[in-house]
Amino acid sequence: MFIGVCTIEMHIPESGSLKTKRHSLKSIKDRIRSRFNVSVAEVGDNDLWQKAVLAVAAVSNDKTHLNQTMDHVLDLVRSVPDVSLLDYTIEIL
């Protein structure tokens, strides 16, 4: 059994309040969950308006599948027009 964790740092330049940020993040998190059947949570920079850190986690018996899933999640985040991907890490445990 393998566990994949992807930590994603992003910038949300259009966000002018925490409410706007939460709305944008909820949309992104829901899309990730529904498309890839993974767990998603905001894990950092909760009090900043324009920056967020998400963690995505999945379990599989195949490392390659986990890596591909995390790559697809990153592609989805990159495709969101209102968000800039700042940094990310992928760990397979």
N, C-alpha and C. Protein backbone atom coordinates (compact mmCIF):
# COMPACT_ATOMS: atom_id res chain seq x y z
N MET A 1 0.84 -1.18 0.00
CA MET A 1 0.00 0.00 0.00
C MET A 1 0.89 1.24 0.00
N PHE A 2 0.51 2.21 -0.81
CA PHE A 2 1.25 3.47 -0.92
C PHE A 2 0.30 4.63 -0.66
N ILE A 3 0.84 5.69 -0.06
CA ILE A 3 0.09 6.91 0.20
C ILE A 3 0.76 8.05 -0.55
N GLY A 4 -0.01 8.76 -1.33
CA GLY A 4 0.50 9.91 -2.06
C GLY A 4 -0.03 11.20 -1.46
N VAL A 5 0.88 12.15 -1.25
CA VAL A 5 0.50 13.45 -0.70
C VAL A 5 1.11 14.53 -1.59
N CYS A 6 0.26 15.43 -2.03
CA CYS A 6 0.71 16.55 -2.84
C CYS A 6 0.33 17.84 -2.11
N THR A 7 1.33 18.68 -1.85
CA THR A 7 1.10 19.97 -1.21
C THR A 7 1.23 21.04 -2.29
N ILE A 8 0.20 21.87 -2.40
CA ILE A 8 0.13 22.86 -3.48
C ILE A 8 0.02 24.25 -2.88
N GLU A 9 0.99 25.11 -3.21
CA GLU A 9 0.94 26.52 -2.82
C GLU A 9 0.41 27.31 -3.99
N MET A 10 -0.59 28.15 -3.74
CA MET A 10 -1.15 28.93 -4.83
C MET A 10 -1.42 30.37 -4.43
N HIS A 11 -1.46 31.21 -5.44
CA HIS A 11 -1.75 32.64 -5.28
C HIS A 11 -3.08 32.91 -5.96
N ILE A 12 -3.96 33.62 -5.26
CA ILE A 12 -5.28 33.96 -5.80
C ILE A 12 -5.36 35.48 -5.89
N PRO A 13 -4.87 36.07 -6.98
CA PRO A 13 -4.74 37.53 -7.06
C PRO A 13 -6.06 38.29 -7.01
N GLU A 14 -7.15 37.69 -7.46
CA GLU A 14 -8.44 38.39 -7.50
C GLU A 14 -9.14 38.41 -6.14
N SER A 15 -8.62 37.68 -5.18
CA SER A 15 -9.27 37.58 -3.88
C SER A 15 -9.05 38.86 -3.08
N GLY A 16 -10.15 39.47 -2.63
CA GLY A 16 -10.07 40.69 -1.85
C GLY A 16 -10.49 40.50 -0.41
N SER A 17 -10.90 39.28 -0.08
CA SER A 17 -11.32 38.98 1.29
C SER A 17 -11.20 37.49 1.53
N LEU A 18 -11.29 37.10 2.79
CA LEU A 18 -11.24 35.68 3.11
C LEU A 18 -12.47 34.96 2.55
N LYS A 19 -13.59 35.65 2.48
CA LYS A 19 -14.82 35.06 1.93
C LYS A 19 -14.63 34.72 0.45
N THR A 20 -14.05 35.62 -0.30
CA THR A 20 -13.78 35.38 -1.72
C THR A 20 -12.79 34.24 -1.89
N LYS A 21 -11.77 34.22 -1.05
CA LYS A 21 -10.77 33.15 -1.10
C LYS A 21 -11.44 31.80 -0.83
N ARG A 22 -12.26 31.72 0.21
CA ARG A 22 -12.95 30.46 0.55
C ARG A 22 -13.83 29.99 -0.60
N HIS A 23 -14.50 30.94 -1.25
CA HIS A 23 -15.37 30.58 -2.38
C HIS A 23 -14.54 29.98 -3.52
N SER A 24 -13.42 30.61 -3.85
CA SER A 24 -12.55 30.09 -4.92
C SER A 24 -11.99 28.72 -4.55
N LEU A 25 -11.52 28.58 -3.31
CA LEU A 25 -10.94 27.31 -2.88
C LEU A 25 -11.98 26.21 -2.84
N LYS A 26 -13.19 26.52 -2.42
CA LYS A 26 -14.24 25.50 -2.37
C LYS A 26 -14.50 24.94 -3.76
N SER A 27 -14.55 25.82 -4.74
CA SER A 27 -14.76 25.39 -6.11
C SER A 27 -13.63 24.47 -6.58
N ILE A 28 -12.39 24.86 -6.32
CA ILE A 28 -11.23 24.06 -6.73
C ILE A 28 -11.22 22.71 -6.00
N LYS A 29 -11.45 22.74 -4.69
CA LYS A 29 -11.43 21.49 -3.90
C LYS A 29 -12.53 20.54 -4.37
N ASP A 30 -13.72 21.06 -4.64
CA ASP A 30 -14.82 20.22 -5.10
C ASP A 30 -14.51 19.58 -6.46
N ARG A 31 -13.91 20.34 -7.35
CA ARG A 31 -13.54 19.80 -8.67
C ARG A 31 -12.50 18.70 -8.54
N ILE A 32 -11.50 18.92 -7.68
CA ILE A 32 -10.46 17.91 -7.47
C ILE A 32 -11.07 16.63 -6.89
N ARG A 33 -11.89 16.78 -5.86
CA ARG A 33 -12.51 15.61 -5.21
C ARG A 33 -13.35 14.81 -6.20
N SER A 34 -14.18 15.50 -6.97
CA SER A 34 -15.11 14.79 -7.85
C SER A 34 -14.40 14.11 -9.02
N ARG A 35 -13.35 14.71 -9.53
CA ARG A 35 -12.66 14.13 -10.69
C ARG A 35 -11.70 13.01 -10.34
N PHE A 36 -11.06 13.11 -9.18
CA PHE A 36 -9.97 12.17 -8.88
C PHE A 36 -10.20 11.30 -7.65
N ASN A 37 -11.30 11.47 -6.95
CA ASN A 37 -11.61 10.66 -5.77
C ASN A 37 -10.45 10.65 -4.77
N VAL A 38 -10.03 11.84 -4.39
CA VAL A 38 -8.94 12.03 -3.43
C VAL A 38 -9.44 12.92 -2.29
N SER A 39 -8.67 13.00 -1.23
CA SER A 39 -8.98 13.90 -0.12
C SER A 39 -8.24 15.22 -0.32
N VAL A 40 -8.91 16.33 -0.03
CA VAL A 40 -8.33 17.66 -0.22
C VAL A 40 -8.65 18.52 1.00
N ALA A 41 -7.66 19.27 1.47
CA ALA A 41 -7.88 20.18 2.59
C ALA A 41 -6.95 21.38 2.47
N GLU A 42 -7.42 22.52 2.97
CA GLU A 42 -6.55 23.69 3.08
C GLU A 42 -5.72 23.51 4.35
N VAL A 43 -4.41 23.54 4.20
CA VAL A 43 -3.53 23.22 5.33
C VAL A 43 -2.59 24.35 5.72
N GLY A 44 -2.66 25.47 5.03
CA GLY A 44 -1.75 26.55 5.39
C GLY A 44 -2.23 27.89 4.86
N ASP A 45 -1.67 28.96 5.44
CA ASP A 45 -1.99 30.33 5.04
C ASP A 45 -3.49 30.61 5.11
N ASN A 46 -4.13 30.10 6.15
CA ASN A 46 -5.58 30.25 6.29
C ASN A 46 -6.02 31.70 6.47
N ASP A 47 -5.17 32.54 7.04
CA ASP A 47 -5.56 33.92 7.32
C ASP A 47 -5.14 34.91 6.24
N LEU A 48 -4.48 34.44 5.20
CA LEU A 48 -4.07 35.33 4.11
C LEU A 48 -5.13 35.34 3.02
N TRP A 49 -5.41 36.50 2.47
CA TRP A 49 -6.46 36.66 1.47
C TRP A 49 -6.09 36.07 0.12
N GLN A 50 -4.83 36.22 -0.26
CA GLN A 50 -4.47 35.87 -1.64
C GLN A 50 -3.54 34.67 -1.77
N LYS A 51 -3.31 33.96 -0.69
CA LYS A 51 -2.42 32.81 -0.75
C LYS A 51 -3.09 31.64 -0.04
N ALA A 52 -2.87 30.44 -0.58
CA ALA A 52 -3.46 29.25 0.03
C ALA A 52 -2.51 28.08 -0.17
N VAL A 53 -2.59 27.13 0.75
CA VAL A 53 -1.84 25.88 0.64
C VAL A 53 -2.86 24.75 0.78
N LEU A 54 -2.94 23.93 -0.26
CA LEU A 54 -3.82 22.76 -0.24
C LEU A 54 -2.98 21.50 -0.13
N ALA A 55 -3.54 20.49 0.53
CA ALA A 55 -2.92 19.17 0.56
C ALA A 55 -3.91 18.20 -0.07
N VAL A 56 -3.39 17.36 -0.96
CA VAL A 56 -4.19 16.34 -1.63
C VAL A 56 -3.59 14.99 -1.25
N ALA A 57 -4.45 14.06 -0.82
CA ALA A 57 -3.96 12.74 -0.40
C ALA A 57 -4.77 11.64 -1.06
N ALA A 58 -4.07 10.55 -1.38
CA ALA A 58 -4.70 9.38 -1.98
C ALA A 58 -3.95 8.12 -1.57
N VAL A 59 -4.65 7.00 -1.62
CA VAL A 59 -4.06 5.71 -1.28
C VAL A 59 -4.24 4.78 -2.48
N SER A 60 -3.19 4.01 -2.77
CA SER A 60 -3.25 3.07 -3.89
C SER A 60 -2.24 1.95 -3.67
N ASN A 61 -2.37 0.90 -4.44
CA ASN A 61 -1.37 -0.16 -4.38
C ASN A 61 -0.34 -0.02 -5.50
N ASP A 62 -0.41 1.10 -6.24
CA ASP A 62 0.48 1.32 -7.38
C ASP A 62 1.07 2.73 -7.31
N LYS A 63 2.40 2.82 -7.19
CA LYS A 63 3.07 4.13 -7.12
C LYS A 63 2.84 4.96 -8.38
N THR A 64 2.89 4.31 -9.52
CA THR A 64 2.72 5.01 -10.80
C THR A 64 1.35 5.66 -10.87
N HIS A 65 0.33 4.94 -10.45
CA HIS A 65 -1.02 5.49 -10.47
C HIS A 65 -1.12 6.72 -9.57
N LEU A 66 -0.51 6.65 -8.39
CA LEU A 66 -0.51 7.81 -7.48
C LEU A 66 0.19 9.01 -8.11
N ASN A 67 1.33 8.76 -8.70
CA ASN A 67 2.08 9.85 -9.34
C ASN A 67 1.26 10.48 -10.47
N GLN A 68 0.62 9.66 -11.29
CA GLN A 68 -0.20 10.18 -12.39
C GLN A 68 -1.38 10.97 -11.86
N THR A 69 -2.01 10.47 -10.80
CA THR A 69 -3.15 11.18 -10.21
C THR A 69 -2.73 12.55 -9.72
N MET A 70 -1.60 12.62 -9.01
CA MET A 70 -1.13 13.91 -8.50
C MET A 70 -0.76 14.86 -9.64
N ASP A 71 -0.19 14.32 -10.71
CA ASP A 71 0.12 15.15 -11.88
C ASP A 71 -1.15 15.72 -12.50
N HIS A 72 -2.20 14.90 -12.57
CA HIS A 72 -3.47 15.37 -13.13
C HIS A 72 -4.11 16.43 -12.22
N VAL A 73 -3.97 16.27 -10.92
CA VAL A 73 -4.48 17.28 -9.98
C VAL A 73 -3.75 18.61 -10.22
N LEU A 74 -2.44 18.56 -10.38
CA LEU A 74 -1.67 19.78 -10.64
C LEU A 74 -2.09 20.41 -11.96
N ASP A 75 -2.35 19.59 -12.99
CA ASP A 75 -2.81 20.12 -14.27
C ASP A 75 -4.15 20.84 -14.11
N LEU A 76 -5.04 20.28 -13.29
CA LEU A 76 -6.32 20.92 -13.05
C LEU A 76 -6.13 22.27 -12.37
N VAL A 77 -5.27 22.33 -11.36
CA VAL A 77 -5.01 23.59 -10.66
C VAL A 77 -4.41 24.61 -11.63
N ARG A 78 -3.50 24.17 -12.47
CA ARG A 78 -2.89 25.08 -13.46
C ARG A 78 -3.92 25.62 -14.44
N SER A 79 -4.97 24.86 -14.71
CA SER A 79 -5.96 25.27 -15.70
C SER A 79 -6.97 26.28 -15.16
N VAL A 80 -7.00 26.49 -13.84
CA VAL A 80 -7.93 27.45 -13.25
C VAL A 80 -7.40 28.86 -13.55
N PRO A 81 -8.20 29.69 -14.25
CA PRO A 81 -7.68 31.00 -14.68
C PRO A 81 -7.42 31.99 -13.55
N ASP A 82 -8.12 31.88 -12.42
CA ASP A 82 -7.99 32.85 -11.34
C ASP A 82 -6.91 32.50 -10.32
N VAL A 83 -6.13 31.45 -10.59
CA VAL A 83 -5.17 30.94 -9.62
C VAL A 83 -3.81 30.77 -10.28
N SER A 84 -2.76 31.15 -9.55
CA SER A 84 -1.39 30.93 -10.01
C SER A 84 -0.74 29.89 -9.10
N LEU A 85 -0.19 28.86 -9.70
CA LEU A 85 0.52 27.83 -8.94
C LEU A 85 1.91 28.36 -8.59
N LEU A 86 2.21 28.45 -7.30
CA LEU A 86 3.49 28.98 -6.85
C LEU A 86 4.52 27.87 -6.66
N ASP A 87 4.10 26.79 -5.99
CA ASP A 87 5.03 25.71 -5.68
C ASP A 87 4.22 24.46 -5.34
N TYR A 88 4.86 23.31 -5.44
CA TYR A 88 4.21 22.07 -5.06
C TYR A 88 5.25 21.02 -4.70
N THR A 89 4.84 20.05 -3.91
CA THR A 89 5.66 18.89 -3.61
C THR A 89 4.78 17.65 -3.70
N ILE A 90 5.36 16.58 -4.18
CA ILE A 90 4.67 15.29 -4.23
C ILE A 90 5.50 14.29 -3.45
N GLU A 91 4.87 13.62 -2.50
CA GLU A 91 5.55 12.59 -1.72
C GLU A 91 4.75 11.30 -1.84
N ILE A 92 5.45 10.21 -2.09
CA ILE A 92 4.85 8.89 -2.10
C ILE A 92 5.44 8.12 -0.94
N LEU A 93 4.62 7.73 0.00
CA LEU A 93 5.08 7.03 1.20
C LEU A 93 4.74 5.54 1.12
